[in-house]
Protein backbone atom coordinates (compact mmCIF):
# COMPACT_ATOMS: atom_id res chain seq x y z
CA MET A 1 -143.09 46.60 42.04
CA ILE A 2 -140.23 45.14 44.08
CA THR A 3 -142.63 44.44 46.97
CA VAL A 4 -145.01 42.60 44.63
CA LYS A 5 -142.19 40.48 43.22
CA ARG A 6 -140.91 39.62 46.69
CA THR A 7 -144.42 38.73 47.82
CA GLY A 8 -144.86 36.52 44.76
CA LEU A 9 -141.53 34.80 45.42
CA ALA A 10 -142.43 34.22 49.06
CA GLY A 11 -145.74 32.66 48.04
CA THR A 12 -144.02 30.39 45.54
CA LEU A 13 -141.47 29.27 48.13
CA ALA A 14 -144.23 28.64 50.66
CA ALA A 15 -146.14 26.53 48.13
CA PHE A 16 -142.94 24.62 47.32
CA TRP A 17 -142.32 23.73 50.97
CA ILE A 18 -145.96 22.75 51.54
CA ILE A 19 -145.94 20.40 48.54
CA LEU A 20 -142.55 19.01 49.60
CA ALA A 21 -143.92 18.39 53.10
CA ALA A 22 -146.94 16.62 51.59
CA ILE A 23 -144.64 14.37 49.53
CA ALA A 24 -142.63 13.51 52.66
CA ALA A 25 -145.82 12.86 54.64
CA TYR A 26 -147.12 10.54 51.92
CA ASN A 27 -143.85 8.64 51.82
CA PHE A 28 -143.23 8.23 55.55
CA ALA A 29 -146.69 8.37 57.14
CA VAL A 30 -149.65 8.12 54.76
CA ARG A 31 -148.47 5.21 52.63
CA PRO A 32 -147.46 2.97 55.56
CA TRP A 33 -150.85 3.79 57.12
CA PHE A 34 -152.98 2.84 54.12
CA LEU A 35 -151.00 -0.31 53.28
CA HIS A 36 -152.07 -1.78 56.64
CA TRP A 37 -155.21 0.23 57.30
CA GLY A 38 -157.27 -1.08 60.23
CA THR A 39 -154.98 -3.99 61.13
CA THR A 40 -153.26 -4.96 64.34
CA GLU A 41 -149.52 -5.67 64.39
CA GLN A 42 -150.24 -9.41 64.44
CA GLU A 43 -152.68 -9.26 61.53
CA LYS A 44 -150.11 -7.58 59.29
CA THR A 45 -147.98 -10.72 59.04
CA ARG A 46 -149.87 -13.77 60.27
CA ALA A 47 -151.16 -16.30 57.76
CA LEU A 48 -154.71 -16.04 56.44
CA LEU A 49 -156.81 -18.85 55.06
CA GLY A 50 -156.16 -18.83 51.29
CA ASP A 51 -152.67 -17.29 51.46
CA ASP A 52 -151.00 -20.46 50.21
CA ALA A 53 -153.13 -20.48 47.04
CA TRP A 54 -150.79 -17.99 45.40
CA ILE A 55 -148.22 -18.71 42.72
CA GLY A 56 -145.86 -15.72 42.53
CA GLY A 57 -146.58 -12.16 43.52
CA THR A 58 -145.61 -10.28 46.67
CA VAL A 59 -147.69 -9.04 49.59
CA SER A 60 -148.22 -5.28 49.38
CA GLY A 61 -150.54 -4.78 52.35
CA THR A 62 -153.24 -6.10 54.65
CA ARG A 63 -156.39 -4.18 55.60
CA ALA A 64 -159.16 -4.98 58.05
CA VAL A 65 -162.50 -3.87 59.46
CA THR A 66 -164.68 -5.25 62.25
CA VAL A 67 -168.23 -6.03 61.21
CA GLN A 68 -170.99 -6.19 63.81
CA ALA A 69 -172.52 -9.25 62.17
CA PRO A 70 -171.53 -12.93 61.95
CA PRO A 71 -169.56 -14.28 58.93
CA GLU A 72 -172.68 -15.83 57.41
CA LYS A 73 -174.11 -12.30 57.06
CA VAL A 74 -170.94 -10.93 55.47
CA TRP A 75 -170.07 -13.74 53.04
CA PRO A 76 -173.09 -13.33 50.69
CA TRP A 77 -171.93 -9.81 49.83
CA ILE A 78 -168.33 -10.87 49.15
CA VAL A 79 -169.11 -13.91 47.03
CA GLN A 80 -171.27 -11.97 44.56
CA ILE A 81 -168.68 -9.32 43.62
CA GLY A 82 -167.87 -8.90 39.92
CA GLN A 83 -168.64 -6.61 37.01
CA ASP A 84 -171.27 -9.02 35.73
CA ARG A 85 -172.75 -9.53 39.20
CA ALA A 86 -173.13 -7.06 42.09
CA GLY A 87 -170.19 -4.82 41.20
CA PHE A 88 -167.62 -4.10 43.91
CA TYR A 89 -169.58 -1.79 46.27
CA SER A 90 -166.98 0.89 45.61
CA TYR A 91 -166.93 4.17 43.68
CA THR A 92 -168.53 3.29 40.34
CA TRP A 93 -168.03 6.89 39.21
CA LEU A 94 -164.27 6.27 39.39
CA GLU A 95 -164.41 2.77 37.92
CA ASN A 96 -166.50 3.96 35.00
CA LEU A 97 -164.09 6.77 34.19
CA LEU A 98 -162.11 3.87 32.67
CA LEU A 99 -165.26 2.61 30.88
CA ALA A 100 -165.46 -0.54 33.05
CA ASP A 101 -169.30 -0.36 33.05
CA ILE A 102 -169.73 -1.40 36.69
CA HIS A 103 -173.04 -0.90 38.49
CA ASN A 104 -173.39 -1.90 42.15
CA THR A 105 -176.25 -4.05 43.39
CA TYR A 106 -177.16 -3.50 47.03
CA ARG A 107 -179.08 -6.69 47.68
CA VAL A 108 -178.16 -10.36 47.98
CA ARG A 109 -179.03 -12.35 44.86
CA PRO A 110 -179.40 -16.14 45.37
CA GLU A 111 -178.19 -16.92 41.83
CA TRP A 112 -174.86 -15.21 42.60
CA GLN A 113 -174.03 -17.13 45.76
CA ALA A 114 -171.88 -19.86 44.21
CA ARG A 115 -168.15 -19.52 43.52
CA GLN A 116 -165.61 -22.25 42.87
CA ALA A 117 -161.95 -22.57 42.04
CA LYS A 118 -161.02 -21.58 38.47
CA ASP A 119 -163.92 -19.11 38.22
CA ILE A 120 -163.13 -15.72 36.71
CA ILE A 121 -164.44 -12.65 38.51
CA ARG A 122 -164.88 -10.03 35.83
CA SER A 123 -163.36 -6.59 36.40
CA VAL A 124 -164.68 -4.90 33.24
CA LYS A 125 -167.37 -5.46 30.68
CA PRO A 126 -166.86 -7.72 27.62
CA GLY A 127 -165.36 -5.75 24.76
CA PHE A 128 -163.62 -3.40 27.19
CA LEU A 129 -162.01 -0.34 25.57
CA PHE A 130 -163.76 -1.02 22.27
CA GLY A 131 -162.34 -4.55 22.12
CA LEU A 132 -158.69 -3.44 22.25
CA VAL A 133 -158.06 -5.34 25.52
CA LYS A 134 -157.91 -9.13 25.19
CA GLU A 135 -160.15 -11.34 27.30
CA LYS A 136 -157.51 -12.68 29.68
CA ASP A 137 -156.97 -13.34 33.39
CA GLY A 138 -155.29 -10.27 34.83
CA TYR A 139 -156.58 -8.00 32.08
CA THR A 140 -160.37 -8.34 32.25
CA GLY A 141 -160.77 -10.21 35.52
CA TRP A 142 -159.24 -12.21 38.36
CA LYS A 143 -159.01 -15.98 38.54
CA VAL A 144 -160.23 -17.65 41.74
CA PRO A 145 -157.60 -20.24 42.81
CA PHE A 146 -159.16 -20.87 46.23
CA VAL A 147 -162.55 -20.50 47.86
CA ALA A 148 -163.81 -21.73 51.24
CA PRO A 149 -167.52 -20.77 51.48
CA GLY A 150 -168.24 -18.56 54.44
CA GLN A 151 -164.55 -18.21 55.28
CA ALA A 152 -162.22 -17.00 52.51
CA MET A 153 -161.77 -16.37 48.80
CA THR A 154 -158.55 -15.64 46.93
CA LEU A 155 -158.31 -13.71 43.67
CA ARG A 156 -155.14 -13.98 41.64
CA ASN A 157 -153.47 -10.55 41.15
CA TRP A 158 -155.72 -9.02 43.81
CA GLY A 159 -155.49 -10.86 47.12
CA THR A 160 -157.28 -12.85 49.81
CA PHE A 161 -160.55 -11.93 51.53
CA ALA A 162 -160.86 -13.71 54.87
CA LEU A 163 -163.66 -13.72 57.44
CA GLU A 164 -162.84 -14.59 61.05
CA PRO A 165 -165.53 -14.71 63.77
CA THR A 166 -165.03 -12.62 66.88
CA GLY A 167 -166.12 -13.53 70.38
CA ALA A 168 -168.85 -10.89 70.39
CA GLY A 169 -170.78 -12.43 67.47
CA GLY A 170 -169.10 -10.18 64.94
CA THR A 171 -166.60 -10.71 62.12
CA ARG A 172 -163.10 -9.59 61.40
CA PHE A 173 -163.02 -8.91 57.65
CA LEU A 174 -159.44 -8.93 56.30
CA ALA A 175 -158.15 -8.22 52.80
CA ARG A 176 -154.55 -9.06 51.93
CA SER A 177 -153.21 -7.64 48.66
CA ARG A 178 -150.70 -9.64 46.70
CA ALA A 179 -149.70 -9.16 43.07
CA GLU A 180 -146.83 -8.90 40.61
CA LYS A 181 -144.94 -5.61 40.67
CA LEU A 182 -144.75 -3.51 37.54
CA PRO A 183 -141.33 -3.68 35.87
CA GLY A 184 -138.90 -0.80 35.45
CA VAL A 185 -138.45 2.52 37.21
CA ALA A 186 -141.59 3.99 35.61
CA GLY A 187 -143.63 0.98 36.76
CA ARG A 188 -142.37 1.26 40.33
CA LEU A 189 -143.08 5.00 40.45
CA LEU A 190 -146.57 4.47 39.04
CA GLY A 191 -147.27 1.80 41.62
CA PHE A 192 -145.85 3.85 44.51
CA TRP A 193 -147.66 7.12 43.78
CA VAL A 194 -150.83 6.09 41.95
CA LEU A 195 -151.77 2.40 41.80
CA ASP A 196 -151.20 1.51 45.45
CA ALA A 197 -153.14 4.60 46.53
CA ALA A 198 -155.96 3.89 44.06
CA HIS A 199 -156.17 0.27 45.21
CA PHE A 200 -156.54 1.39 48.83
CA ILE A 201 -159.17 4.01 47.98
CA MET A 202 -161.35 1.51 46.12
CA GLU A 203 -160.78 -1.40 48.53
CA LYS A 204 -161.45 0.73 51.62
CA ARG A 205 -164.74 1.85 50.12
CA MET A 206 -165.64 -1.75 49.22
CA MET A 207 -164.87 -3.04 52.72
CA THR A 208 -166.77 -0.30 54.53
CA GLU A 209 -169.77 -0.72 52.22
CA ILE A 210 -169.81 -4.50 52.80
CA ARG A 211 -169.68 -3.79 56.53
CA ARG A 212 -172.62 -1.40 56.23
CA LEU A 213 -174.66 -3.83 54.16
CA ALA A 214 -173.95 -6.80 56.44
CA GLU A 215 -174.94 -4.74 59.48
CA GLY A 216 -178.12 -3.59 57.73
CA ARG A 217 -177.38 0.13 58.09
CA PRO A 218 -178.75 2.68 55.57
CA GLY A 219 -176.51 4.67 53.28
CA PRO A 220 -176.37 8.48 52.94
CA PRO A 221 -179.81 10.10 52.51
CA TRP A 222 -180.99 10.67 48.96
CA TRP A 223 -181.10 14.45 49.35
CA LEU A 224 -177.42 14.59 50.33
CA GLN A 225 -176.47 12.51 47.31
CA ALA A 226 -178.64 14.76 45.13
CA LEU A 227 -176.88 17.86 46.49
CA ALA A 228 -173.49 16.28 45.74
CA THR A 229 -174.56 15.45 42.19
CA ALA A 230 -175.79 19.04 41.80
CA GLY A 231 -172.35 20.12 43.00
CA PHE A 232 -170.65 18.20 40.18
CA ALA A 233 -173.13 19.71 37.71
CA ALA A 234 -172.20 23.12 39.12
CA ALA A 235 -168.51 22.26 38.63
CA VAL A 236 -169.24 21.49 34.98
CA ALA A 237 -171.05 24.83 34.57
CA GLY A 238 -168.42 26.81 36.47
CA SER A 239 -165.43 25.30 34.66
CA THR A 240 -167.20 25.86 31.33
CA LEU A 241 -167.63 29.55 32.18
CA LEU A 242 -163.99 29.88 33.29
CA ILE A 243 -162.61 28.25 30.16
CA GLY A 244 -165.01 30.09 27.87
CA SER A 245 -164.27 33.49 29.42
CA LYS A 246 -160.51 33.17 28.93
CA LYS A 247 -159.08 35.52 26.33
CA LYS A 248 -157.85 34.40 22.91
CA ARG A 249 -160.93 32.30 22.21
CA ARG A 250 -160.08 29.14 24.18
CA GLU A 251 -163.59 27.66 23.98
CA PHE A 252 -162.34 24.83 21.75
CA TRP A 253 -160.64 23.35 24.86
CA LEU A 254 -164.14 22.42 26.06
CA LEU A 255 -164.40 19.84 23.31
CA LEU A 256 -162.02 17.48 25.14
CA PRO A 257 -164.00 17.15 28.41
CA LEU A 258 -167.28 17.19 26.48
CA PHE A 259 -166.15 14.35 24.20
CA THR A 260 -164.89 12.37 27.21
CA ALA A 261 -168.18 12.80 29.07
CA VAL A 262 -170.18 11.67 26.02
CA ILE A 263 -168.01 8.54 25.60
CA ILE A 264 -168.33 7.64 29.29
CA LEU A 265 -172.10 8.12 29.20
CA GLN A 266 -172.44 6.11 25.99
CA GLN A 267 -170.27 3.23 27.23
CA THR A 268 -171.48 3.00 30.84
CA SER A 269 -174.78 4.94 31.19
CA ASP A 270 -173.27 6.39 34.38
CA LEU A 271 -174.17 10.08 34.74
CA ARG A 272 -171.95 10.49 37.81
CA ALA A 273 -168.91 9.15 35.95
CA ALA A 274 -169.65 11.44 32.99
CA LEU A 275 -169.88 14.48 35.29
CA ALA A 276 -166.66 13.45 37.06
CA GLY A 277 -164.85 12.89 33.76
CA PHE A 278 -165.82 16.32 32.46
CA THR A 279 -164.83 17.97 35.75
CA VAL A 280 -161.42 16.31 35.99
CA LEU A 281 -160.40 17.29 32.46
CA ALA A 282 -161.87 20.79 32.76
CA LEU A 283 -159.97 21.44 36.00
CA THR A 284 -156.80 20.21 34.30
CA ILE A 285 -157.31 22.62 31.40
CA ILE A 286 -158.01 25.49 33.82
CA GLY A 287 -154.70 24.79 35.52
CA PHE A 288 -152.74 25.35 32.33
CA LEU A 289 -154.83 28.29 31.06
CA TYR A 290 -154.83 30.35 34.25
CA PHE A 291 -151.68 29.46 36.16
CA GLY A 292 -149.01 29.57 33.46
CA LYS A 293 -145.55 28.87 34.86
CA ARG A 294 -147.03 28.22 38.30
CA TRP A 295 -149.14 25.31 37.11
CA TRP A 296 -147.21 23.01 39.45
CA ILE A 297 -148.59 24.89 42.48
CA TYR A 298 -152.16 24.45 41.26
CA PHE A 299 -151.75 20.74 40.52
CA GLY A 300 -149.75 20.16 43.69
CA PHE A 301 -152.51 21.54 45.90
CA LEU A 302 -155.18 19.78 43.81
CA TRP A 303 -153.30 16.49 44.35
CA ILE A 304 -153.04 17.06 48.12
CA TYR A 305 -156.72 17.93 48.43
CA SER A 306 -157.95 15.07 46.24
CA TYR A 307 -155.88 12.44 48.01
CA ALA A 308 -156.98 13.76 51.42
CA VAL A 309 -160.67 13.47 50.49
CA LEU A 310 -160.31 10.06 48.83
CA PHE A 311 -158.28 8.65 51.71
CA LEU A 312 -160.31 10.02 54.61
CA ALA A 313 -163.90 10.68 53.52
CA ALA A 314 -166.57 8.10 54.22
CA ASP A 315 -168.10 9.05 50.84
CA ALA A 316 -165.78 11.02 48.55
CA TRP A 317 -168.54 11.76 46.01
CA ILE A 318 -170.53 13.67 48.63
CA VAL A 319 -167.53 15.63 49.92
CA PHE A 320 -166.31 16.60 46.45
CA GLY A 321 -169.82 17.51 45.34
CA LEU A 322 -170.62 19.71 48.33
CA VAL A 323 -167.30 21.55 47.98
CA PHE A 324 -167.99 22.12 44.27
CA LEU A 325 -171.45 23.43 45.12
CA ALA A 326 -170.03 25.88 47.67
CA ALA A 327 -167.28 27.00 45.25
CA PHE A 328 -169.84 27.63 42.51
CA ALA A 329 -171.96 29.68 44.91
CA VAL A 330 -168.92 31.86 45.76
CA LEU A 331 -168.00 32.21 42.08
CA PHE A 332 -171.59 33.14 41.17
CA ALA A 333 -171.80 35.71 43.99
CA ALA A 334 -168.48 37.26 42.92
CA ALA A 335 -169.64 37.45 39.31
CA ARG A 336 -172.91 39.19 40.32
CA LYS A 337 -171.02 41.64 42.51
CA GLY A 338 -168.65 42.45 39.65
CA MET A 339 -171.55 43.07 37.25
CA SER A 340 -173.42 45.29 39.72
CA SER A 341 -170.33 47.45 40.35
CA ARG A 342 -169.95 48.36 36.67
């Protein structure tokens, strides 16, 4: 008994130090990296076309990618971003978790190639959150204070997108974030740990997808995407079994992820977002049902893993989905082995 307790204490201490190390790494290494992802030292601070269009706000980071195509091949993809246009070429399954109703279009549409100052680029659908959010710049979209066709576009409360030709016939695509900081200690903590990271995750995906589209490269094969989607479906099935098999009749906890998935599907028609919404809430419930007082270890490691995938993966949906599929296969094999040994 004493040996078991000591082993349990050692494991808890090890988990504590791992999570503490992850927090330190995020603070001193990961966050500085993603705030200026892909940039040179000079690009971090030098002026970009459109920078002076701002009124207020502070620079929070500059990111860059090199596109093997001239600016005139890149610009058509940038200028048509918006919820009511081509989307944002990012993770719609994450955007639609918030009921934004965004659907990416992976082709250039001539009718979407005009932008001018004072335009509003929509971020969410009209009537967002059942009409509770007012139609207002900064709430349901970003105002365009500056646009130079083929060169740069600035969005208030987002930043500046600038295209600079390179000597090899390519383009340096830069995105400089600049916005008002959230007030109060809670606002600063939310920005530091969640919003800045989320902004990088979505913007990195957008920039790399625009690069792919401008270069004319294909995306992941359909069968790999189908396997990933099957993995999320397996996560739904597996988490349902885990919650339903818990003692004391905890099946009613399934109503929360089920209701969330139905709302997402009804508001956005996005099956991926509905599967993701169910999975996120189900995994949260599993953490409290199975880990008791050690819930912080479960959520700590889940946070580390999720951030690692979202920061580093070329396509986070595929990575998450394949891992879920493998985990379900292990869980299913263990269940069959347990039944056969009875």
